[in-house]
Amino acid sequence: MPLNRRRFLAGGAGTAAIGASRRSLGAECGYDVAIVGAGLAGLNGAMILTELGARVIVLEADRRTGGRCLTKDSWYLQPDLGGAQIGRSYARVLDTARRLNVELGPGAHINAPYSFVVNDTLIAAKDWAGSPLNRLVGPERAIPPHALGGFYVEGRTPFTTLDGWLQPEAVAYDISLAVWLRRQGASPEAHRIIRESQGRPLEDLNVLRMMQEATNARVGVSKIDPKELVGKDAYERAGITSQRVVGGTSRLTDAMVASLNGRVRTGKRVMSIDLGQDRCEIRCADGTRVHARFALAAVPFTVLRQIEITPSLRGDQADAVRRMPYGNQSQVWLRVRRPYWEMDGIEASMWTDGAFNLIRQQVESDGARELMSLLAFSDKSVRLDAGSRARSLRDRRDRADPPLHQGPVRIRRRAFLGAGAVPARLQPPVRARPRHGLLPRDGAALSRPALCRRAPAADGSRHGSRDGIRRARRARARGAAFGLSAGGAALRPREPAG
């Protein structure tokens, strides 16, 4: 049962017609759509549906709204833990900000240049190429560790237009990063360093997706003077072409919530969605029940798989929800009290092969350099969360100011602001930058438009197809948005054509 403008208009938005006759004791009734999740995707969906005349309710498990968009107003300088940059490709986000009179400022923070920590040894950027700890081979030796992935993928992307990855010849790049690196002659040490940077097995990463995003970034900076981009990583280049929300990204999601005039309910953790013949019943952990004609799940798959859906998802869509990996990120934020990079003459940010992936010293849009963040991605994030490291860091917030260690590297004169260590399996990912990917079981063929369709690679492996990547990219702000209708028709996978 597809949800569209025509059905709402034809049904007079459905609010009066389904009111009293469908009312159940103790349940909130009369909604056209119940949306699960109050992040950007859920809030945007609610705004669109409200404009169409639908009666909407948004159910958010957390006590706050915004999802991964989170400004820590109580911390020094109110850092954004997610969604700090709004690039040119996020036209809908920019349009929403303008329509809601949310002030945007030019530029976003960038990161100070990188030094490198390998085997617990700090190496200045100027010493990297000749360092005995640099075990790369040939031309690789001149490439900084954090830029090595770009050297092998971004720098070799053949596409020049945004739709280049959709052309038939692009299927040759629908392979894993591990296979691609072997074909490019990357050394074993290059494999190791790129694996450290990504935080997950290279077999799980799709080259076509990476090239697609590299092309998007390239097109986004095509009108920028190339001299401004020399020596800058992807995040720094994004800063040049991005805007930011003045006062923090939470001001945008707060404005979106306000525009919905009380339609957003927090503290409503959805436990089950029952799809009846003419309505959905959504049950929350606090006992709340909501009846609606449709349910829209605007949460990551890791959250969606914890919700009991009856009748259950079937076939390859169920497989996608069950097995879609999620690359979590844990962050520790510090305040820099003295410019340690001036004291030792070494670059302020650090790429590391230790407990964290990156230690970033932020340069704000006004030139201020008072914050730094320690980031652990994917596997390292899980290990960090599972151990005592994050707890011990939290415990130190009221103590004196001892140096923070990264092996023998010490960052002195800093103050602890806070740690965001979120186990991936629990995943309210308010401090996460997601990385999605799906490698379904052999023989899987999803409905059209597909979440992912598998194309055989030369070595027999299969990876997400262009259709799948396109769908995932469109929904990446919050994993994916699934429409559930009464009777459960919306999620039934269709047979592939042909």
Protein backbone atom coordinates (compact mmCIF):
# COMPACT_ATOMS: atom_id res chain seq x y z
CA MET A 1 0.00 0.00 0.00
CA PRO A 2 2.15 2.90 -1.19
CA LEU A 3 2.01 6.22 0.61
CA ASN A 4 1.75 9.21 -1.72
CA ARG A 5 0.28 12.67 -2.21
CA ARG A 6 -2.63 11.40 -4.35
CA ARG A 7 -3.88 8.99 -1.68
CA PHE A 8 -3.77 11.64 1.03
CA LEU A 9 -5.60 14.24 -1.05
CA ALA A 10 -8.15 11.72 -2.29
CA GLY A 11 -8.84 10.63 1.27
CA GLY A 12 -9.09 14.13 2.69
CA ALA A 13 -5.95 13.36 4.66
CA GLY A 14 -7.89 10.53 6.26
CA THR A 15 -8.10 12.11 9.68
CA ALA A 16 -11.87 12.40 10.11
CA ALA A 17 -12.70 9.19 8.25
CA ILE A 18 -10.63 6.89 10.41
CA GLY A 19 -11.35 8.55 13.75
CA ALA A 20 -14.10 7.14 15.92
CA SER A 21 -14.76 3.92 14.04
CA ARG A 22 -11.20 2.72 14.56
CA ARG A 23 -10.65 3.97 18.06
CA SER A 24 -9.37 1.41 20.55
CA LEU A 25 -9.44 1.75 24.31
CA GLY A 26 -6.21 3.22 25.67
CA ALA A 27 -4.64 3.93 22.27
CA GLU A 28 -3.99 7.23 20.53
CA CYS A 29 -5.92 7.02 17.28
CA GLY A 30 -6.62 9.00 14.15
CA TYR A 31 -3.08 9.42 12.80
CA ASP A 32 -2.28 8.98 9.16
CA VAL A 33 1.42 8.32 9.78
CA ALA A 34 3.42 7.41 12.88
CA ILE A 35 7.13 8.10 12.39
CA VAL A 36 9.71 6.24 14.45
CA GLY A 37 12.80 8.38 15.04
CA ALA A 38 13.24 12.14 15.40
CA GLY A 39 16.54 12.59 13.61
CA LEU A 40 16.91 14.59 10.41
CA ALA A 41 15.15 11.96 8.29
CA GLY A 42 12.22 11.50 10.65
CA LEU A 43 11.72 15.22 11.22
CA ASN A 44 11.99 16.00 7.53
CA GLY A 45 9.48 13.26 6.71
CA ALA A 46 7.10 14.66 9.31
CA MET A 47 7.37 18.16 7.87
CA ILE A 48 6.69 16.96 4.32
CA LEU A 49 3.71 14.84 5.34
CA THR A 50 2.26 17.63 7.47
CA GLU A 51 2.48 19.99 4.51
CA LEU A 52 0.50 17.40 2.51
CA GLY A 53 -2.25 17.52 5.08
CA ALA A 54 -1.52 14.29 6.90
CA ARG A 55 -1.97 13.91 10.63
CA VAL A 56 1.45 12.88 11.89
CA ILE A 57 3.03 11.82 15.17
CA VAL A 58 6.77 11.33 15.69
CA LEU A 59 7.99 8.88 18.34
CA GLU A 60 11.55 9.32 19.62
CA ALA A 61 13.16 6.91 22.10
CA ASP A 62 15.59 9.46 23.51
CA ARG A 63 14.73 12.39 25.74
CA ARG A 64 16.07 14.73 23.11
CA THR A 65 15.55 15.06 19.37
CA GLY A 66 18.00 15.45 16.51
CA GLY A 67 19.57 11.98 16.27
CA ARG A 68 23.23 12.33 15.36
CA CYS A 69 22.90 16.11 15.17
CA LEU A 70 23.96 17.11 18.66
CA THR A 71 25.42 20.37 19.95
CA LYS A 72 26.84 20.03 23.46
CA ASP A 73 25.68 23.37 24.79
CA SER A 74 26.99 22.61 28.28
CA TRP A 75 30.55 22.00 27.05
CA TYR A 76 33.18 24.62 26.42
CA LEU A 77 32.60 26.36 23.04
CA GLN A 78 29.51 24.17 22.48
CA PRO A 79 31.06 21.67 20.03
CA ASP A 80 28.96 19.75 17.53
CA LEU A 81 29.35 16.00 17.99
CA GLY A 82 27.70 15.32 14.65
CA GLY A 83 26.53 17.19 11.59
CA ALA A 84 29.01 20.03 11.97
CA GLN A 85 29.34 20.61 8.22
CA ILE A 86 26.58 21.04 5.65
CA GLY A 87 28.04 20.51 2.20
CA ARG A 88 26.65 21.70 -1.12
CA SER A 89 25.12 18.31 -1.86
CA TYR A 90 22.80 18.61 1.16
CA ALA A 91 20.43 20.92 -0.69
CA ARG A 92 17.35 19.81 1.26
CA VAL A 93 19.05 20.50 4.57
CA LEU A 94 20.11 23.94 3.40
CA ASP A 95 16.61 24.66 2.08
CA THR A 96 15.03 23.59 5.36
CA ALA A 97 17.37 25.86 7.30
CA ARG A 98 16.45 28.83 5.12
CA ARG A 99 12.72 28.13 5.29
CA LEU A 100 12.88 27.94 9.09
CA ASN A 101 15.07 31.07 9.33
CA VAL A 102 17.93 29.13 10.89
CA GLU A 103 21.08 31.22 10.51
CA LEU A 104 23.86 29.69 8.42
CA GLY A 105 27.48 30.80 8.44
CA PRO A 106 30.12 30.31 5.77
CA GLY A 107 32.71 27.61 6.30
CA ALA A 108 33.09 25.02 9.00
CA HIS A 109 35.92 23.91 11.23
CA ILE A 110 38.90 22.21 9.65
CA ASN A 111 41.58 20.08 11.23
CA ALA A 112 45.14 21.12 11.88
CA PRO A 113 47.81 19.29 9.82
CA TYR A 114 48.65 15.74 10.82
CA SER A 115 51.64 14.10 12.39
CA PHE A 116 51.67 10.31 12.77
CA VAL A 117 51.88 7.84 15.63
CA VAL A 118 53.12 4.42 14.51
CA ASN A 119 54.01 1.72 17.03
CA ASP A 120 53.67 4.29 19.81
CA THR A 121 56.21 6.60 18.18
CA LEU A 122 55.40 10.17 17.13
CA ILE A 123 56.63 11.10 13.65
CA ALA A 124 56.51 14.65 12.27
CA ALA A 125 55.06 14.97 8.77
CA LYS A 126 58.40 16.14 7.33
CA ASP A 127 60.10 12.99 8.64
CA TRP A 128 57.52 10.47 7.44
CA ALA A 129 58.97 9.60 4.03
CA GLY A 130 62.37 8.71 5.50
CA SER A 131 61.24 7.24 8.80
CA PRO A 132 62.37 3.65 9.57
CA LEU A 133 58.82 3.07 10.79
CA ASN A 134 57.51 3.85 7.31
CA ARG A 135 57.34 0.34 5.81
CA LEU A 136 55.48 1.37 2.70
CA VAL A 137 56.98 0.57 -0.70
CA GLY A 138 57.97 2.76 -3.63
CA PRO A 139 55.74 5.80 -4.29
CA GLU A 140 53.64 4.88 -1.27
CA ARG A 141 56.38 6.09 1.08
CA ALA A 142 55.72 9.72 0.26
CA ILE A 143 51.99 9.41 1.04
CA PRO A 144 50.87 10.29 4.58
CA PRO A 145 49.02 7.42 6.31
CA HIS A 146 45.71 9.29 6.53
CA ALA A 147 45.84 10.04 2.78
CA LEU A 148 46.82 6.56 1.61
CA GLY A 149 43.25 5.47 0.94
CA GLY A 150 42.73 8.55 -1.19
CA PHE A 151 45.91 7.78 -3.11
CA TYR A 152 44.60 4.35 -4.12
CA VAL A 153 40.89 5.12 -4.52
CA GLU A 154 40.04 8.81 -4.79
CA GLY A 155 43.06 9.56 -6.94
CA ARG A 156 42.17 6.72 -9.32
CA THR A 157 38.45 7.34 -9.60
CA PRO A 158 37.54 7.31 -13.32
CA PHE A 159 34.22 9.13 -13.00
CA THR A 160 33.94 12.81 -13.86
CA THR A 161 30.17 13.29 -13.51
CA LEU A 162 27.75 12.57 -10.69
CA ASP A 163 26.06 9.79 -12.63
CA GLY A 164 29.26 8.18 -13.90
CA TRP A 165 29.01 5.37 -11.37
CA LEU A 166 25.61 4.42 -12.85
CA GLN A 167 27.02 3.64 -16.29
CA PRO A 168 27.40 -0.03 -17.35
CA GLU A 169 31.19 0.12 -17.36
CA ALA A 170 31.18 1.09 -13.68
CA VAL A 171 30.41 -2.51 -12.73
CA ALA A 172 34.13 -3.24 -13.00
CA TYR A 173 34.59 -1.24 -9.77
CA ASP A 174 31.86 -3.06 -7.86
CA ILE A 175 34.43 -4.99 -5.82
CA SER A 176 35.79 -4.93 -2.30
CA LEU A 177 38.56 -2.56 -1.28
CA ALA A 178 40.75 -5.57 -0.48
CA VAL A 179 40.47 -6.85 -4.05
CA TRP A 180 41.04 -3.38 -5.49
CA LEU A 181 44.20 -2.79 -3.47
CA ARG A 182 45.65 -6.11 -4.57
CA ARG A 183 44.94 -5.26 -8.19
CA GLN A 184 46.60 -1.86 -7.74
CA GLY A 185 49.74 -3.49 -6.34
CA ALA A 186 49.39 -2.00 -2.87
CA SER A 187 51.94 -3.29 -0.39
CA PRO A 188 50.96 -5.32 2.69
CA GLU A 189 51.78 -2.29 4.85
CA ALA A 190 49.44 -0.15 2.75
CA HIS A 191 46.70 -2.71 3.39
CA ARG A 192 47.41 -2.51 7.12
CA ILE A 193 47.43 1.28 7.28
CA ILE A 194 44.24 1.66 5.26
CA ARG A 195 42.62 -0.99 7.44
CA GLU A 196 43.63 1.03 10.51
CA SER A 197 42.18 4.21 8.97
CA GLN A 198 38.88 2.59 8.03
CA GLY A 199 38.47 0.71 11.30
CA ARG A 200 36.99 -2.36 9.66
CA PRO A 201 38.01 -5.21 7.33
CA LEU A 202 38.79 -4.08 3.80
CA GLU A 203 36.66 -6.94 2.51
CA ASP A 204 33.59 -5.14 3.88
CA LEU A 205 34.20 -1.91 1.96
CA ASN A 206 32.92 -1.34 -1.57
CA VAL A 207 35.15 0.52 -4.04
CA LEU A 208 32.26 1.67 -6.22
CA ARG A 209 30.64 3.40 -3.28
CA MET A 210 33.93 5.01 -2.30
CA MET A 211 34.49 6.22 -5.86
CA GLN A 212 30.96 7.58 -6.05
CA GLU A 213 31.50 9.65 -2.92
CA ALA A 214 34.93 10.74 -4.14
CA THR A 215 33.32 11.96 -7.37
CA ASN A 216 30.68 13.87 -5.42
CA ALA A 217 33.43 15.54 -3.39
CA ARG A 218 35.42 16.33 -6.53
CA VAL A 219 32.42 17.93 -8.24
CA GLY A 220 31.70 19.88 -5.07
CA VAL A 221 35.11 21.54 -5.10
CA SER A 222 35.40 21.89 -8.90
CA LYS A 223 34.89 25.67 -8.72
CA ILE A 224 37.45 26.14 -5.98
CA ASP A 225 40.97 27.31 -6.78
CA PRO A 226 43.02 24.06 -6.77
CA LYS A 227 45.76 25.79 -4.82
CA GLU A 228 43.38 26.07 -1.86
CA LEU A 229 42.98 22.28 -1.78
CA VAL A 230 46.64 21.22 -1.82
CA GLY A 231 47.58 19.19 1.24
CA LYS A 232 44.06 19.08 2.65
CA ASP A 233 42.22 15.87 3.51
CA ALA A 234 38.56 15.19 2.71
CA TYR A 235 37.30 16.83 5.89
CA GLU A 236 39.36 19.97 5.32
CA ARG A 237 38.16 20.21 1.71
CA ALA A 238 34.61 19.82 2.95
CA GLY A 239 35.18 22.73 5.29
CA ILE A 240 36.02 24.98 2.36
CA THR A 241 32.81 24.11 0.51
CA SER A 242 30.50 23.80 3.52
CA GLN A 243 28.25 25.94 5.62
CA ARG A 244 27.51 25.60 9.31
CA VAL A 245 24.58 26.33 11.56
CA VAL A 246 25.36 29.36 13.68
CA GLY A 247 25.09 28.31 17.32
CA GLY A 248 25.34 24.61 16.51
CA THR A 249 23.52 22.05 14.40
CA SER A 250 20.99 21.36 17.15
CA ARG A 251 19.50 24.77 16.38
CA LEU A 252 18.35 23.34 13.05
CA THR A 253 16.72 20.22 14.47
CA ASP A 254 15.21 22.27 17.31
CA ALA A 255 13.60 24.53 14.70
CA MET A 256 12.30 21.50 12.80
CA VAL A 257 10.71 20.16 15.98
CA ALA A 258 9.16 23.56 16.76
CA SER A 259 7.66 23.75 13.26
CA LEU A 260 5.79 20.48 13.94
CA ASN A 261 3.78 22.11 16.75
CA GLY A 262 3.75 19.36 19.35
CA ARG A 263 3.72 16.40 16.97
CA VAL A 264 7.03 15.05 18.35
CA ARG A 265 6.98 12.85 21.47
CA THR A 266 10.24 12.04 23.24
CA GLY A 267 10.92 9.17 25.60
CA LYS A 268 8.83 6.88 23.39
CA ARG A 269 10.92 3.81 22.65
CA VAL A 270 9.04 1.76 20.08
CA MET A 271 9.03 -1.93 20.92
CA SER A 272 6.68 -3.33 18.27
CA ILE A 273 4.76 -2.46 15.12
CA ASP A 274 1.70 -4.60 14.38
CA LEU A 275 0.37 -4.36 10.84
CA GLY A 276 -3.36 -5.02 10.79
CA GLN A 277 -5.81 -5.06 7.92
CA ASP A 278 -6.61 -1.35 8.03
CA ARG A 279 -4.14 0.21 10.46
CA CYS A 280 -0.81 -0.15 12.26
CA GLU A 281 -0.48 -0.35 16.01
CA ILE A 282 2.77 0.93 17.48
CA ARG A 283 3.58 -0.04 21.06
CA CYS A 284 6.16 1.81 23.18
CA ALA A 285 8.15 0.64 26.19
CA ASP A 286 6.21 3.00 28.50
CA GLY A 287 2.89 1.43 27.53
CA THR A 288 1.88 4.03 24.97
CA ARG A 289 -0.03 2.66 21.99
CA VAL A 290 -0.53 4.58 18.76
CA HIS A 291 -2.79 3.66 15.85
CA ALA A 292 -2.03 5.00 12.37
CA ARG A 293 -2.69 4.12 8.75
CA PHE A 294 1.04 3.99 8.07
CA ALA A 295 4.26 3.72 10.04
CA LEU A 296 7.54 5.21 8.83
CA ALA A 297 10.73 3.88 10.42
CA ALA A 298 13.43 6.54 10.15
CA VAL A 299 16.09 4.79 12.20
CA PRO A 300 19.26 2.83 11.39
CA PHE A 301 18.94 -0.88 10.75
CA THR A 302 20.64 -1.60 14.06
CA VAL A 303 17.68 0.06 15.78
CA LEU A 304 15.04 -1.27 13.39
CA ARG A 305 16.10 -4.86 14.01
CA GLN A 306 15.29 -4.43 17.70
CA ILE A 307 11.66 -3.56 16.91
CA GLU A 308 9.28 -6.49 16.61
CA ILE A 309 7.36 -6.11 13.34
CA THR A 310 4.29 -8.32 12.78
CA PRO A 311 3.98 -9.78 10.19
CA SER A 312 7.76 -9.87 10.12
CA LEU A 313 9.86 -8.62 7.23
CA ARG A 314 10.51 -11.34 4.71
CA GLY A 315 13.09 -12.47 2.21
CA ASP A 316 16.02 -10.33 1.27
CA GLN A 317 14.67 -7.17 2.87
CA ALA A 318 14.62 -8.97 6.19
CA ASP A 319 18.16 -10.14 5.47
CA ALA A 320 19.25 -6.57 4.75
CA VAL A 321 17.84 -5.22 8.00
CA ARG A 322 19.27 -8.12 9.99
CA ARG A 323 22.81 -7.93 8.64
CA MET A 324 23.48 -4.35 7.55
CA PRO A 325 26.71 -3.40 9.38
CA TYR A 326 27.03 -0.11 11.15
CA GLY A 327 30.33 1.64 11.68
CA ASN A 328 30.10 3.30 15.06
CA GLN A 329 32.32 6.11 16.27
CA SER A 330 33.37 7.00 19.79
CA GLN A 331 34.64 10.47 20.63
CA VAL A 332 36.56 12.00 23.49
CA TRP A 333 36.69 15.81 23.56
CA LEU A 334 39.41 17.92 25.15
CA ARG A 335 40.05 21.60 25.63
CA VAL A 336 43.50 22.78 24.62
CA ARG A 337 44.89 25.26 27.12
CA ARG A 338 48.28 25.82 25.50
CA PRO A 339 49.40 25.50 21.85
CA TYR A 340 51.45 22.31 22.26
CA TRP A 341 52.18 22.30 18.50
CA GLU A 342 54.14 25.52 18.95
CA MET A 343 56.01 24.09 21.92
CA ASP A 344 57.37 21.03 20.08
CA GLY A 345 57.09 22.19 16.45
CA ILE A 346 55.12 19.10 15.39
CA GLU A 347 51.76 19.07 13.65
CA ALA A 348 48.85 19.28 16.09
CA SER A 349 46.56 16.55 14.70
CA MET A 350 47.62 12.92 14.71
CA TRP A 351 46.81 9.79 12.74
CA THR A 352 47.45 6.79 14.96
CA ASP A 353 47.51 3.01 14.79
CA GLY A 354 46.80 2.88 18.52
CA ALA A 355 43.54 2.86 20.47
CA PHE A 356 42.20 5.82 18.49
CA ASN A 357 42.16 6.34 14.73
CA LEU A 358 42.53 10.10 14.73
CA ILE A 359 43.35 12.85 17.19
CA ARG A 360 42.06 16.03 15.61
CA GLN A 361 42.97 19.51 16.71
CA GLN A 362 40.16 21.71 15.44
CA VAL A 363 40.66 25.05 13.74
CA GLU A 364 37.35 26.88 13.93
CA SER A 365 35.89 29.05 11.21
CA ASP A 366 37.14 32.13 13.11
CA GLY A 367 40.66 30.68 13.52
CA ALA A 368 40.27 29.65 17.16
CA ARG A 369 42.22 26.51 18.17
CA GLU A 370 40.89 25.51 21.57
CA LEU A 371 39.30 22.10 20.99
CA MET A 372 40.47 18.66 20.02
CA SER A 373 38.70 15.33 19.61
CA LEU A 374 39.95 11.75 19.84
CA LEU A 375 38.07 9.47 17.46
CA ALA A 376 37.77 5.68 17.39
CA PHE A 377 36.00 4.14 14.39
CA SER A 378 34.11 0.86 13.99
CA ASP A 379 36.12 -2.02 15.50
CA LYS A 380 38.25 0.32 17.61
CA SER A 381 35.11 2.03 18.85
CA VAL A 382 33.65 -1.30 19.94
CA ARG A 383 36.86 -2.24 21.73
CA LEU A 384 37.03 1.15 23.40
CA ASP A 385 33.44 0.92 24.57
CA ALA A 386 33.84 -2.65 25.79
CA GLY A 387 36.86 -1.83 27.92
CA SER A 388 37.48 0.50 30.79
CA ARG A 389 39.19 3.23 28.76
CA ALA A 390 36.10 5.39 28.27
CA ARG A 391 35.04 4.95 31.91
CA SER A 392 38.48 5.90 33.18
CA LEU A 393 38.45 9.00 31.01
CA ARG A 394 35.07 10.01 32.41
CA ASP A 395 36.31 9.46 35.93
CA ARG A 396 39.15 11.93 35.36
CA ARG A 397 36.94 14.92 34.61
CA ASP A 398 37.16 16.29 38.16
CA ARG A 399 40.81 15.44 38.75
CA ALA A 400 43.96 17.40 38.11
CA ASP A 401 45.29 17.83 34.59
CA PRO A 402 47.70 14.93 33.93
CA PRO A 403 48.94 14.41 30.37
CA LEU A 404 46.86 12.32 28.02
CA HIS A 405 48.93 9.45 26.63
CA GLN A 406 48.94 8.03 23.13
CA GLY A 407 51.88 5.71 23.63
CA PRO A 408 54.73 8.05 24.57
CA VAL A 409 52.90 11.02 23.04
CA ARG A 410 51.71 13.48 25.66
CA ILE A 411 49.29 16.32 25.10
CA ARG A 412 49.77 18.68 28.00
CA ARG A 413 47.68 21.58 29.17
CA ARG A 414 44.34 20.20 28.12
CA ALA A 415 41.07 19.81 30.00
CA PHE A 416 38.62 16.94 29.72
CA LEU A 417 35.25 17.99 28.26
CA GLY A 418 33.43 14.71 27.76
CA ALA A 419 33.39 11.28 26.17
CA GLY A 420 30.84 9.83 23.82
CA ALA A 421 31.37 6.08 23.84
CA VAL A 422 28.28 4.38 22.44
CA PRO A 423 28.27 0.59 22.00
CA ALA A 424 27.39 -0.21 18.41
CA ARG A 425 24.95 -2.89 19.46
CA LEU A 426 22.91 -0.38 21.51
CA GLN A 427 23.46 2.52 19.19
CA PRO A 428 21.63 5.67 19.83
CA PRO A 429 24.35 7.03 17.51
CA VAL A 430 24.36 10.61 18.71
CA ARG A 431 28.14 10.77 18.44
CA ALA A 432 28.55 8.72 15.32
CA ARG A 433 29.45 9.23 11.70
CA PRO A 434 27.90 6.19 10.03
CA ARG A 435 29.38 3.98 7.37
CA HIS A 436 26.90 1.64 5.79
CA GLY A 437 27.48 -1.39 3.63
CA LEU A 438 25.77 -4.65 2.86
CA LEU A 439 27.01 -7.92 1.44
CA PRO A 440 23.92 -10.17 1.41
CA ARG A 441 24.10 -13.92 1.27
CA ASP A 442 24.73 -15.59 -2.08
CA GLY A 443 21.69 -15.74 -4.30
CA ALA A 444 20.02 -12.72 -2.76
CA ALA A 445 18.07 -10.46 -5.10
CA LEU A 446 16.20 -7.60 -3.52
CA SER A 447 13.08 -5.89 -4.72
CA ARG A 448 13.20 -2.97 -7.09
CA PRO A 449 14.17 -0.35 -6.21
CA ALA A 450 16.65 -2.57 -4.45
CA LEU A 451 18.52 -1.91 -1.25
CA CYS A 452 21.39 -3.88 -2.69
CA ARG A 453 21.81 -6.24 -5.61
CA ARG A 454 24.86 -8.39 -5.97
CA ALA A 455 27.13 -8.30 -8.95
CA PRO A 456 29.75 -11.06 -9.29
CA ALA A 457 33.33 -9.84 -9.23
CA ALA A 458 36.16 -11.44 -11.17
CA ASP A 459 37.26 -13.34 -8.07
CA GLY A 460 33.76 -14.61 -7.39
CA SER A 461 32.97 -12.19 -4.58
CA ARG A 462 29.81 -10.11 -4.62
CA HIS A 463 29.19 -6.62 -3.37
CA GLY A 464 26.52 -3.97 -3.22
CA SER A 465 25.36 -2.84 -6.64
CA ARG A 466 24.88 0.70 -7.90
CA ASP A 467 21.14 0.50 -7.14
CA GLY A 468 21.91 -0.50 -3.59
CA ILE A 469 24.49 2.21 -3.08
CA ARG A 470 22.14 4.83 -4.47
CA ARG A 471 19.37 3.75 -2.11
CA ALA A 472 21.73 3.64 0.86
CA ARG A 473 23.15 7.07 0.04
CA ARG A 474 19.71 8.65 -0.19
CA ALA A 475 18.84 7.30 3.22
CA ARG A 476 22.24 7.62 4.88
CA ALA A 477 21.19 10.49 7.14
CA ARG A 478 19.46 7.90 9.31
CA GLY A 479 20.20 4.46 7.94
CA ALA A 480 17.03 3.99 5.91
CA ALA A 481 13.39 5.04 6.06
CA PHE A 482 10.95 2.16 5.59
CA GLY A 483 7.24 2.68 5.01
CA LEU A 484 5.02 0.15 6.77
CA SER A 485 1.38 0.11 5.78
CA ALA A 486 -1.64 -1.65 7.14
CA GLY A 487 -1.55 -5.20 5.89
CA GLY A 488 2.23 -5.11 5.56
CA ALA A 489 2.23 -4.74 1.78
CA ALA A 490 4.79 -1.99 1.60
CA LEU A 491 7.72 -4.11 2.68
CA ARG A 492 7.05 -7.22 0.70
CA PRO A 493 9.94 -7.76 -1.71
CA ARG A 494 8.88 -7.90 -5.33
CA GLU A 495 10.18 -10.45 -7.73
CA PRO A 496 13.08 -9.09 -9.83
CA ALA A 497 12.16 -8.29 -13.41
CA GLY A 498 13.28 -10.80 -15.97
